[in-house]
N, C-alpha and C. Protein backbone atom coordinates (compact mmCIF):
# COMPACT_ATOMS: atom_id res chain seq x y z
N MET A 1 -103.60 6.12 23.22
CA MET A 1 -104.79 5.75 22.49
C MET A 1 -104.68 4.30 22.04
N TYR A 2 -105.80 3.68 21.79
CA TYR A 2 -105.77 2.28 21.40
C TYR A 2 -106.88 1.97 20.40
N ILE A 3 -106.68 0.85 19.74
CA ILE A 3 -107.73 0.28 18.90
C ILE A 3 -107.91 -1.13 19.41
N SER A 4 -109.11 -1.53 19.62
CA SER A 4 -109.37 -2.87 20.10
C SER A 4 -110.46 -3.49 19.23
N VAL A 5 -110.24 -4.71 18.81
CA VAL A 5 -111.23 -5.44 18.03
C VAL A 5 -111.43 -6.78 18.70
N ASN A 6 -112.65 -7.08 19.09
CA ASN A 6 -112.96 -8.35 19.71
C ASN A 6 -113.82 -9.13 18.73
N ILE A 7 -113.33 -10.27 18.30
CA ILE A 7 -114.02 -11.05 17.28
C ILE A 7 -114.37 -12.41 17.86
N SER A 8 -115.62 -12.81 17.72
CA SER A 8 -116.03 -14.15 18.11
C SER A 8 -116.44 -14.89 16.86
N HIS A 9 -115.81 -16.01 16.62
CA HIS A 9 -116.15 -16.84 15.47
C HIS A 9 -116.87 -18.08 15.98
N LEU A 10 -117.84 -18.52 15.24
CA LEU A 10 -118.52 -19.77 15.54
C LEU A 10 -118.17 -20.73 14.42
N ILE A 11 -117.52 -21.83 14.77
CA ILE A 11 -117.14 -22.82 13.77
C ILE A 11 -118.23 -23.87 13.73
N LEU A 12 -118.82 -24.05 12.55
CA LEU A 12 -119.93 -24.98 12.39
C LEU A 12 -119.48 -26.20 11.59
N LEU A 13 -120.03 -27.34 11.93
CA LEU A 13 -119.79 -28.55 11.18
C LEU A 13 -121.07 -28.86 10.43
N PHE A 14 -121.04 -28.86 9.11
CA PHE A 14 -122.22 -29.03 8.29
C PHE A 14 -121.93 -30.15 7.30
N PHE A 15 -122.47 -31.33 7.58
CA PHE A 15 -122.23 -32.50 6.74
C PHE A 15 -120.74 -32.70 6.47
N ARG A 16 -119.95 -32.62 7.51
CA ARG A 16 -118.49 -32.82 7.48
C ARG A 16 -117.74 -31.71 6.75
N ASN A 17 -118.40 -30.67 6.34
CA ASN A 17 -117.73 -29.51 5.77
C ASN A 17 -117.74 -28.42 6.84
N SER A 18 -116.58 -28.00 7.26
CA SER A 18 -116.55 -26.97 8.30
C SER A 18 -116.57 -25.60 7.66
N LYS A 19 -117.22 -24.69 8.33
CA LYS A 19 -117.22 -23.30 7.89
C LYS A 19 -117.18 -22.42 9.13
N THR A 20 -116.68 -21.23 8.95
CA THR A 20 -116.55 -20.27 10.04
C THR A 20 -117.45 -19.10 9.77
N ILE A 21 -118.26 -18.75 10.74
CA ILE A 21 -119.11 -17.56 10.60
C ILE A 21 -118.83 -16.63 11.77
N ASN A 22 -119.01 -15.35 11.54
CA ASN A 22 -118.87 -14.37 12.61
C ASN A 22 -120.19 -14.31 13.35
N LYS A 23 -120.20 -14.78 14.56
CA LYS A 23 -121.40 -14.72 15.37
C LYS A 23 -121.56 -13.33 15.99
N ASN A 24 -120.44 -12.78 16.41
CA ASN A 24 -120.47 -11.49 17.06
C ASN A 24 -119.13 -10.80 16.83
N GLU A 25 -119.16 -9.57 16.40
CA GLU A 25 -117.92 -8.82 16.22
C GLU A 25 -118.12 -7.45 16.83
N THR A 26 -117.24 -7.12 17.76
CA THR A 26 -117.31 -5.84 18.44
C THR A 26 -116.08 -5.03 18.08
N ASN A 27 -116.29 -3.84 17.59
CA ASN A 27 -115.18 -2.96 17.22
C ASN A 27 -115.23 -1.72 18.09
N ASN A 28 -114.18 -1.50 18.81
CA ASN A 28 -114.01 -0.27 19.59
C ASN A 28 -112.77 0.42 19.07
N SER A 29 -112.90 1.64 18.64
CA SER A 29 -111.72 2.33 18.14
C SER A 29 -111.72 3.77 18.61
N VAL A 30 -110.52 4.27 18.74
CA VAL A 30 -110.29 5.66 19.12
C VAL A 30 -109.33 6.24 18.10
N PRO A 31 -109.64 7.39 17.49
CA PRO A 31 -108.65 7.98 16.59
C PRO A 31 -107.36 8.23 17.36
N PHE A 32 -106.24 7.93 16.74
CA PHE A 32 -104.96 8.09 17.41
C PHE A 32 -104.03 8.92 16.54
N SER A 33 -102.88 9.24 17.08
CA SER A 33 -101.93 10.10 16.37
C SER A 33 -100.63 9.37 16.13
N LEU A 34 -100.03 9.64 14.95
CA LEU A 34 -98.71 9.14 14.63
C LEU A 34 -97.72 10.26 14.88
N VAL A 35 -96.69 9.98 15.65
CA VAL A 35 -95.65 10.96 15.95
C VAL A 35 -94.32 10.33 15.57
N GLN A 36 -93.49 11.06 14.84
CA GLN A 36 -92.19 10.53 14.46
C GLN A 36 -91.31 10.43 15.69
N PRO A 37 -90.71 9.23 15.92
CA PRO A 37 -89.86 9.09 17.10
C PRO A 37 -88.63 9.98 17.01
N GLY A 38 -88.30 10.59 18.13
CA GLY A 38 -87.11 11.44 18.19
C GLY A 38 -87.30 12.79 17.55
N SER A 39 -88.55 13.17 17.26
CA SER A 39 -88.76 14.47 16.63
C SER A 39 -88.55 15.59 17.65
N TYR A 40 -88.01 16.68 17.16
CA TYR A 40 -87.75 17.82 18.04
C TYR A 40 -89.00 18.65 18.27
N ILE A 41 -89.91 18.58 17.32
CA ILE A 41 -91.13 19.38 17.44
C ILE A 41 -92.25 18.44 17.89
N SER A 42 -92.64 18.53 19.15
CA SER A 42 -93.64 17.61 19.69
C SER A 42 -95.05 17.99 19.26
N LYS A 43 -95.24 19.19 18.69
CA LYS A 43 -96.58 19.62 18.29
C LYS A 43 -96.97 19.08 16.93
N VAL A 44 -96.02 18.47 16.19
CA VAL A 44 -96.31 17.95 14.86
C VAL A 44 -96.70 16.48 15.00
N TYR A 45 -97.92 16.16 14.61
CA TYR A 45 -98.39 14.78 14.63
C TYR A 45 -99.46 14.61 13.56
N VAL A 46 -99.73 13.36 13.23
CA VAL A 46 -100.74 13.03 12.23
C VAL A 46 -101.84 12.24 12.92
N LYS A 47 -103.05 12.78 12.89
CA LYS A 47 -104.20 12.12 13.50
C LYS A 47 -104.75 11.10 12.50
N VAL A 48 -104.86 9.84 12.92
CA VAL A 48 -105.37 8.78 12.04
C VAL A 48 -106.88 8.68 12.25
N GLN A 49 -107.63 8.92 11.19
CA GLN A 49 -109.09 8.92 11.25
C GLN A 49 -109.61 7.55 10.78
N ASN A 50 -110.55 6.98 11.46
CA ASN A 50 -111.19 5.70 11.13
C ASN A 50 -110.16 4.61 10.82
N PRO A 51 -109.35 4.21 11.78
CA PRO A 51 -108.31 3.22 11.51
C PRO A 51 -108.84 1.85 11.12
N LEU A 52 -110.06 1.50 11.50
CA LEU A 52 -110.60 0.18 11.15
C LEU A 52 -110.99 0.08 9.68
N GLU A 53 -111.06 1.20 8.96
CA GLU A 53 -111.31 1.17 7.52
C GLU A 53 -110.05 0.81 6.74
N ALA A 54 -108.91 0.90 7.38
CA ALA A 54 -107.63 0.66 6.70
C ALA A 54 -107.36 -0.82 6.56
N SER A 55 -106.71 -1.17 5.44
CA SER A 55 -106.27 -2.55 5.27
C SER A 55 -104.85 -2.66 5.80
N GLY A 56 -104.40 -3.87 5.96
CA GLY A 56 -103.06 -4.10 6.50
C GLY A 56 -103.19 -4.81 7.82
N CYS A 57 -102.19 -5.58 8.14
CA CYS A 57 -102.19 -6.36 9.39
C CYS A 57 -101.33 -5.62 10.40
N TYR A 58 -101.92 -4.67 11.09
CA TYR A 58 -101.13 -3.81 11.97
C TYR A 58 -101.45 -4.00 13.44
N MET A 59 -102.42 -4.82 13.77
CA MET A 59 -102.77 -5.01 15.18
C MET A 59 -102.20 -6.32 15.71
N GLU A 60 -101.89 -6.34 16.98
CA GLU A 60 -101.38 -7.53 17.65
C GLU A 60 -102.54 -8.28 18.30
N ARG A 61 -102.47 -9.61 18.23
CA ARG A 61 -103.47 -10.41 18.94
C ARG A 61 -103.04 -10.47 20.39
N VAL A 62 -103.89 -9.96 21.28
CA VAL A 62 -103.55 -9.92 22.70
C VAL A 62 -104.34 -10.95 23.49
N HIS A 63 -105.39 -11.53 22.87
CA HIS A 63 -106.18 -12.54 23.57
C HIS A 63 -106.76 -13.48 22.54
N SER A 64 -106.70 -14.77 22.84
CA SER A 64 -107.31 -15.77 21.97
C SER A 64 -107.75 -16.94 22.85
N LYS A 65 -108.99 -17.35 22.66
CA LYS A 65 -109.53 -18.43 23.48
C LYS A 65 -110.48 -19.26 22.63
N VAL A 66 -110.39 -20.57 22.75
CA VAL A 66 -111.28 -21.48 22.03
C VAL A 66 -112.13 -22.21 23.06
N ARG A 67 -113.43 -22.17 22.85
CA ARG A 67 -114.36 -22.85 23.76
C ARG A 67 -115.18 -23.86 22.97
N ARG A 68 -115.51 -24.94 23.61
CA ARG A 68 -116.39 -25.91 22.97
C ARG A 68 -117.79 -25.34 22.92
N ALA A 69 -118.55 -25.73 21.92
CA ALA A 69 -119.91 -25.22 21.75
C ALA A 69 -120.82 -25.80 22.84
N LYS A 70 -121.85 -25.05 23.20
CA LYS A 70 -122.82 -25.50 24.20
C LYS A 70 -123.64 -26.64 23.62
N GLU A 71 -123.96 -27.59 24.49
CA GLU A 71 -124.80 -28.70 24.07
C GLU A 71 -125.95 -28.84 25.05
N GLY A 72 -127.04 -28.14 24.77
CA GLY A 72 -128.23 -28.23 25.58
C GLY A 72 -129.40 -28.71 24.74
N LEU A 73 -130.58 -28.83 25.35
CA LEU A 73 -131.76 -29.32 24.64
C LEU A 73 -132.17 -28.36 23.53
N VAL A 74 -132.15 -27.07 23.81
CA VAL A 74 -132.52 -26.07 22.80
C VAL A 74 -131.51 -26.09 21.65
N ASP A 75 -130.23 -26.23 21.99
CA ASP A 75 -129.19 -26.28 20.96
C ASP A 75 -129.34 -27.51 20.07
N MET A 76 -129.72 -28.64 20.66
CA MET A 76 -129.90 -29.87 19.87
C MET A 76 -131.09 -29.73 18.92
N VAL A 77 -132.16 -29.08 19.36
CA VAL A 77 -133.32 -28.85 18.48
C VAL A 77 -132.93 -27.91 17.34
N ALA A 78 -132.20 -26.85 17.65
CA ALA A 78 -131.73 -25.91 16.62
C ALA A 78 -130.81 -26.62 15.63
N GLN A 79 -129.95 -27.52 16.11
CA GLN A 79 -129.07 -28.27 15.22
C GLN A 79 -129.88 -29.17 14.30
N GLY A 80 -130.92 -29.80 14.83
CA GLY A 80 -131.75 -30.69 14.02
C GLY A 80 -132.50 -29.92 12.94
N LEU A 81 -132.97 -28.72 13.25
CA LEU A 81 -133.70 -27.92 12.26
C LEU A 81 -132.79 -27.33 11.20
N SER A 82 -131.61 -26.86 11.60
CA SER A 82 -130.73 -26.19 10.65
C SER A 82 -129.78 -27.15 9.94
N GLY A 83 -129.51 -28.30 10.53
CA GLY A 83 -128.56 -29.23 9.94
C GLY A 83 -127.12 -28.84 10.20
N GLU A 84 -126.90 -27.85 11.03
CA GLU A 84 -125.56 -27.39 11.36
C GLU A 84 -125.26 -27.68 12.81
N LYS A 85 -124.05 -28.15 13.06
CA LYS A 85 -123.65 -28.46 14.42
C LYS A 85 -122.48 -27.58 14.83
N PRO A 86 -122.68 -26.69 15.80
CA PRO A 86 -121.57 -25.86 16.27
C PRO A 86 -120.50 -26.73 16.94
N VAL A 87 -119.25 -26.48 16.61
CA VAL A 87 -118.16 -27.25 17.17
C VAL A 87 -117.41 -26.45 18.22
N ALA A 88 -117.06 -25.21 17.90
CA ALA A 88 -116.27 -24.41 18.82
C ALA A 88 -116.57 -22.93 18.64
N LEU A 89 -116.31 -22.17 19.67
CA LEU A 89 -116.42 -20.73 19.65
C LEU A 89 -115.03 -20.17 19.89
N VAL A 90 -114.52 -19.39 18.93
CA VAL A 90 -113.18 -18.82 19.03
C VAL A 90 -113.32 -17.34 19.35
N GLU A 91 -112.72 -16.93 20.45
CA GLU A 91 -112.71 -15.52 20.82
C GLU A 91 -111.30 -15.00 20.66
N SER A 92 -111.17 -13.87 20.00
CA SER A 92 -109.84 -13.27 19.87
C SER A 92 -109.97 -11.77 19.98
N GLU A 93 -108.94 -11.16 20.51
CA GLU A 93 -108.91 -9.70 20.65
C GLU A 93 -107.60 -9.21 20.07
N GLN A 94 -107.71 -8.21 19.21
CA GLN A 94 -106.53 -7.60 18.59
C GLN A 94 -106.47 -6.15 19.02
N MET A 95 -105.25 -5.67 19.22
CA MET A 95 -105.10 -4.31 19.72
C MET A 95 -103.83 -3.69 19.15
N LEU A 96 -103.88 -2.41 18.90
CA LEU A 96 -102.68 -1.64 18.56
C LEU A 96 -102.17 -1.05 19.86
N CYS A 97 -101.02 -1.51 20.28
CA CYS A 97 -100.48 -1.10 21.57
C CYS A 97 -99.80 0.27 21.47
N VAL A 98 -99.79 0.97 22.57
CA VAL A 98 -99.14 2.27 22.64
C VAL A 98 -97.65 2.10 22.39
N GLY A 99 -97.08 2.96 21.56
CA GLY A 99 -95.66 2.91 21.26
C GLY A 99 -95.33 2.04 20.06
N SER A 100 -96.34 1.46 19.41
CA SER A 100 -96.09 0.63 18.23
C SER A 100 -95.63 1.50 17.07
N SER A 101 -94.75 0.94 16.25
CA SER A 101 -94.29 1.63 15.06
C SER A 101 -95.30 1.35 13.95
N LEU A 102 -95.76 2.40 13.27
CA LEU A 102 -96.81 2.25 12.28
C LEU A 102 -96.61 3.27 11.17
N THR A 103 -96.83 2.85 9.92
CA THR A 103 -96.76 3.75 8.78
C THR A 103 -98.10 3.74 8.08
N GLY A 104 -98.58 4.90 7.70
CA GLY A 104 -99.90 5.01 7.06
C GLY A 104 -99.80 5.54 5.64
N PHE A 105 -100.62 4.97 4.75
CA PHE A 105 -100.75 5.42 3.36
C PHE A 105 -102.22 5.76 3.14
N GLY A 106 -102.50 7.00 2.81
CA GLY A 106 -103.87 7.43 2.58
C GLY A 106 -103.88 8.89 2.16
N GLU A 107 -105.01 9.53 2.37
CA GLU A 107 -105.16 10.94 2.03
C GLU A 107 -104.82 11.78 3.26
N VAL A 108 -103.95 12.74 3.08
CA VAL A 108 -103.54 13.63 4.17
C VAL A 108 -104.28 14.95 4.00
N VAL A 109 -104.97 15.37 5.08
CA VAL A 109 -105.78 16.58 5.05
C VAL A 109 -105.30 17.50 6.17
N LEU A 110 -105.12 18.78 5.84
CA LEU A 110 -104.75 19.76 6.85
C LEU A 110 -106.04 20.29 7.47
N GLU A 111 -106.15 20.13 8.77
CA GLU A 111 -107.37 20.47 9.49
C GLU A 111 -107.13 21.68 10.37
N GLY A 112 -107.78 22.77 10.10
CA GLY A 112 -107.67 23.95 10.95
C GLY A 112 -106.31 24.62 10.94
N GLY A 113 -105.49 24.33 9.98
CA GLY A 113 -104.20 24.99 9.88
C GLY A 113 -103.11 24.40 10.75
N GLN A 114 -103.43 23.49 11.68
CA GLN A 114 -102.40 22.95 12.57
C GLN A 114 -102.40 21.42 12.63
N VAL A 115 -103.54 20.81 12.55
CA VAL A 115 -103.64 19.36 12.71
C VAL A 115 -103.65 18.69 11.33
N ILE A 116 -102.81 17.68 11.16
CA ILE A 116 -102.77 16.90 9.93
C ILE A 116 -103.54 15.61 10.19
N ARG A 117 -104.47 15.28 9.28
CA ARG A 117 -105.31 14.10 9.45
C ARG A 117 -105.08 13.13 8.31
N LEU A 118 -104.89 11.85 8.64
CA LEU A 118 -104.76 10.78 7.66
C LEU A 118 -106.09 10.04 7.61
N GLN A 119 -106.65 9.91 6.40
CA GLN A 119 -107.96 9.28 6.25
C GLN A 119 -108.00 8.47 4.96
N ALA A 120 -109.10 7.75 4.77
CA ALA A 120 -109.29 6.99 3.53
C ALA A 120 -109.46 7.99 2.38
N PRO A 121 -108.79 7.75 1.25
CA PRO A 121 -108.93 8.67 0.11
C PRO A 121 -110.36 8.71 -0.42
N GLN A 122 -110.79 9.88 -0.86
CA GLN A 122 -112.15 10.08 -1.34
C GLN A 122 -112.37 9.43 -2.71
N ASP A 123 -111.28 9.21 -3.48
CA ASP A 123 -111.43 8.66 -4.82
C ASP A 123 -111.39 7.13 -4.86
N GLY A 124 -111.42 6.46 -3.71
CA GLY A 124 -111.51 5.01 -3.67
C GLY A 124 -110.19 4.27 -3.65
N ARG A 125 -109.07 4.97 -3.63
CA ARG A 125 -107.78 4.29 -3.55
C ARG A 125 -107.62 3.63 -2.18
N SER A 126 -106.60 2.80 -2.05
CA SER A 126 -106.38 2.04 -0.82
C SER A 126 -105.95 2.93 0.34
N TYR A 127 -106.39 2.56 1.50
CA TYR A 127 -106.03 3.19 2.77
C TYR A 127 -105.33 2.09 3.56
N ILE A 128 -104.05 2.25 3.80
CA ILE A 128 -103.25 1.17 4.36
C ILE A 128 -102.50 1.64 5.61
N LEU A 129 -102.50 0.81 6.62
CA LEU A 129 -101.67 1.00 7.81
C LEU A 129 -100.81 -0.25 7.96
N VAL A 130 -99.50 -0.08 8.05
CA VAL A 130 -98.58 -1.22 8.15
C VAL A 130 -97.68 -1.04 9.36
N PRO A 131 -97.28 -2.15 9.99
CA PRO A 131 -96.44 -2.05 11.19
C PRO A 131 -94.95 -1.97 10.89
N SER A 132 -94.59 -1.44 9.74
CA SER A 132 -93.18 -1.32 9.38
C SER A 132 -92.95 0.08 8.81
N ASP A 133 -91.73 0.35 8.40
CA ASP A 133 -91.45 1.67 7.84
C ASP A 133 -91.70 1.65 6.32
N TYR A 134 -91.63 2.81 5.72
CA TYR A 134 -91.92 3.00 4.30
C TYR A 134 -91.00 2.15 3.43
N ARG A 135 -89.71 2.15 3.74
CA ARG A 135 -88.73 1.45 2.90
C ARG A 135 -88.98 -0.07 2.88
N SER A 136 -89.26 -0.67 4.03
CA SER A 136 -89.50 -2.11 4.06
C SER A 136 -90.81 -2.46 3.37
N PHE A 137 -91.80 -1.59 3.45
CA PHE A 137 -93.07 -1.80 2.73
C PHE A 137 -92.82 -1.79 1.22
N MET A 138 -92.04 -0.79 0.76
CA MET A 138 -91.74 -0.71 -0.67
C MET A 138 -90.85 -1.86 -1.13
N ASP A 139 -89.89 -2.27 -0.32
CA ASP A 139 -89.03 -3.41 -0.66
C ASP A 139 -89.85 -4.68 -0.83
N ARG A 140 -90.82 -4.88 0.05
CA ARG A 140 -91.67 -6.08 -0.04
C ARG A 140 -92.46 -6.08 -1.34
N HIS A 141 -93.01 -4.93 -1.72
CA HIS A 141 -93.79 -4.86 -2.96
C HIS A 141 -92.91 -4.92 -4.20
N GLU A 142 -91.72 -4.35 -4.14
CA GLU A 142 -90.79 -4.45 -5.28
C GLU A 142 -90.33 -5.89 -5.47
N ALA A 143 -90.11 -6.62 -4.37
CA ALA A 143 -89.72 -8.03 -4.47
C ALA A 143 -90.84 -8.84 -5.10
N SER A 144 -92.07 -8.53 -4.73
CA SER A 144 -93.21 -9.22 -5.33
C SER A 144 -93.33 -8.90 -6.82
N ALA A 145 -93.13 -7.64 -7.20
CA ALA A 145 -93.18 -7.25 -8.61
C ALA A 145 -92.07 -7.92 -9.41
N ASN A 146 -90.87 -8.01 -8.83
CA ASN A 146 -89.76 -8.68 -9.51
C ASN A 146 -90.04 -10.16 -9.71
N LEU A 147 -90.67 -10.79 -8.72
CA LEU A 147 -91.04 -12.19 -8.86
C LEU A 147 -92.00 -12.39 -10.02
N TRP A 148 -93.01 -11.52 -10.12
CA TRP A 148 -93.99 -11.63 -11.22
C TRP A 148 -93.33 -11.36 -12.57
N LYS A 149 -92.37 -10.43 -12.61
CA LYS A 149 -91.64 -10.17 -13.86
C LYS A 149 -90.87 -11.40 -14.30
N ARG A 150 -90.18 -12.05 -13.35
CA ARG A 150 -89.43 -13.27 -13.68
C ARG A 150 -90.35 -14.39 -14.16
N LEU A 151 -91.47 -14.57 -13.46
CA LEU A 151 -92.42 -15.61 -13.87
C LEU A 151 -92.99 -15.32 -15.25
N THR A 152 -93.24 -14.06 -15.55
CA THR A 152 -93.73 -13.68 -16.88
C THR A 152 -92.68 -13.99 -17.95
N ALA A 153 -91.42 -13.65 -17.66
CA ALA A 153 -90.34 -13.92 -18.62
C ALA A 153 -90.18 -15.42 -18.86
N VAL A 154 -90.20 -16.22 -17.79
CA VAL A 154 -90.05 -17.67 -17.93
C VAL A 154 -91.23 -18.25 -18.72
N THR A 155 -92.43 -17.80 -18.42
CA THR A 155 -93.60 -18.28 -19.14
C THR A 155 -93.54 -17.88 -20.62
N GLY A 156 -93.13 -16.65 -20.90
CA GLY A 156 -93.00 -16.20 -22.29
C GLY A 156 -91.95 -16.99 -23.05
N LEU A 157 -90.80 -17.22 -22.44
CA LEU A 157 -89.76 -18.02 -23.10
C LEU A 157 -90.21 -19.46 -23.33
N THR A 158 -90.89 -20.04 -22.36
CA THR A 158 -91.40 -21.40 -22.52
C THR A 158 -92.41 -21.47 -23.66
N GLY A 159 -93.33 -20.49 -23.70
CA GLY A 159 -94.32 -20.44 -24.77
C GLY A 159 -93.68 -20.25 -26.14
N ALA A 160 -92.70 -19.36 -26.23
CA ALA A 160 -92.02 -19.11 -27.50
C ALA A 160 -91.25 -20.36 -27.95
N THR A 161 -90.62 -21.07 -27.01
CA THR A 161 -89.89 -22.30 -27.34
C THR A 161 -90.85 -23.38 -27.84
N LEU A 162 -91.97 -23.54 -27.17
CA LEU A 162 -92.97 -24.53 -27.61
C LEU A 162 -93.52 -24.18 -28.99
N LEU A 163 -93.83 -22.92 -29.21
CA LEU A 163 -94.34 -22.49 -30.50
C LEU A 163 -93.31 -22.71 -31.60
N ALA A 164 -92.04 -22.39 -31.31
CA ALA A 164 -90.98 -22.61 -32.30
C ALA A 164 -90.83 -24.10 -32.60
N GLY A 165 -90.93 -24.95 -31.58
CA GLY A 165 -90.85 -26.39 -31.79
C GLY A 165 -91.99 -26.92 -32.63
N ILE A 166 -93.19 -26.43 -32.39
CA ILE A 166 -94.36 -26.86 -33.17
C ILE A 166 -94.22 -26.41 -34.62
N VAL A 167 -93.82 -25.17 -34.83
CA VAL A 167 -93.64 -24.65 -36.20
C VAL A 167 -92.54 -25.42 -36.91
N TYR A 168 -91.44 -25.72 -36.22
CA TYR A 168 -90.33 -26.46 -36.83
C TYR A 168 -90.78 -27.87 -37.22
N ASN A 169 -91.51 -28.53 -36.33
CA ASN A 169 -91.99 -29.89 -36.65
C ASN A 169 -92.97 -29.87 -37.82
N TYR A 170 -93.83 -28.88 -37.89
CA TYR A 170 -94.81 -28.79 -38.97
C TYR A 170 -94.12 -28.55 -40.32
N PHE A 171 -93.22 -27.57 -40.35
CA PHE A 171 -92.54 -27.27 -41.60
C PHE A 171 -91.48 -28.33 -41.93
N GLY A 172 -90.91 -28.98 -40.95
CA GLY A 172 -89.94 -30.05 -41.19
C GLY A 172 -90.59 -31.24 -41.86
N LYS A 173 -91.81 -31.55 -41.43
CA LYS A 173 -92.54 -32.66 -42.05
C LYS A 173 -92.93 -32.33 -43.48
N GLN A 174 -93.26 -31.08 -43.77
CA GLN A 174 -93.62 -30.68 -45.14
C GLN A 174 -92.39 -30.77 -46.05
N ASP A 175 -91.19 -30.44 -45.52
CA ASP A 175 -89.98 -30.56 -46.33
C ASP A 175 -89.68 -32.02 -46.67
N ASP A 176 -89.95 -32.92 -45.70
CA ASP A 176 -89.72 -34.35 -45.96
C ASP A 176 -90.69 -34.88 -47.00
N ARG A 177 -91.92 -34.38 -47.01
CA ARG A 177 -92.92 -34.83 -47.98
C ARG A 177 -92.59 -34.32 -49.38
N SER A 178 -92.04 -33.11 -49.47
CA SER A 178 -91.74 -32.55 -50.80
C SER A 178 -90.53 -33.22 -51.43
N ARG A 179 -89.68 -33.87 -50.69
CA ARG A 179 -88.51 -34.54 -51.24
C ARG A 179 -88.92 -35.84 -51.79
């Protein structure tokens, strides 16, 4: 099974400010199954429902092409009316290849007593597919949380030091005046 996403971007030049707009986006997807490698029971698998709703960078770019924008009479008139000048058309295709390692986080539903389905949670929580295992995903997030904890501690200590310095200078000057 595969997931294929073909995205065409149109890069416009508008008064020297470039912006990218999606001119055409084609999404083709097929529900696929996650099977644990080396499992003894081949009948146990997890069917991934609506994989394009999931966040995470799990697809590989298999095609990318940049083309110059067309310059014809009709295009020049359209540019004059809109004030936007197309510069390039970027085509890219991303695909989840067969045999890729993938971990999913979402709502697990037992379907018909035999099939397990992974889908977006009904309560609005995140639905994530990642191209790594659970432990490396958690390690990455724990490292990020530790970084924020350190930054919070450094900021708190800096703020407390500045406040102590200001209070010391204020009360130190009052002691000099009272003498």
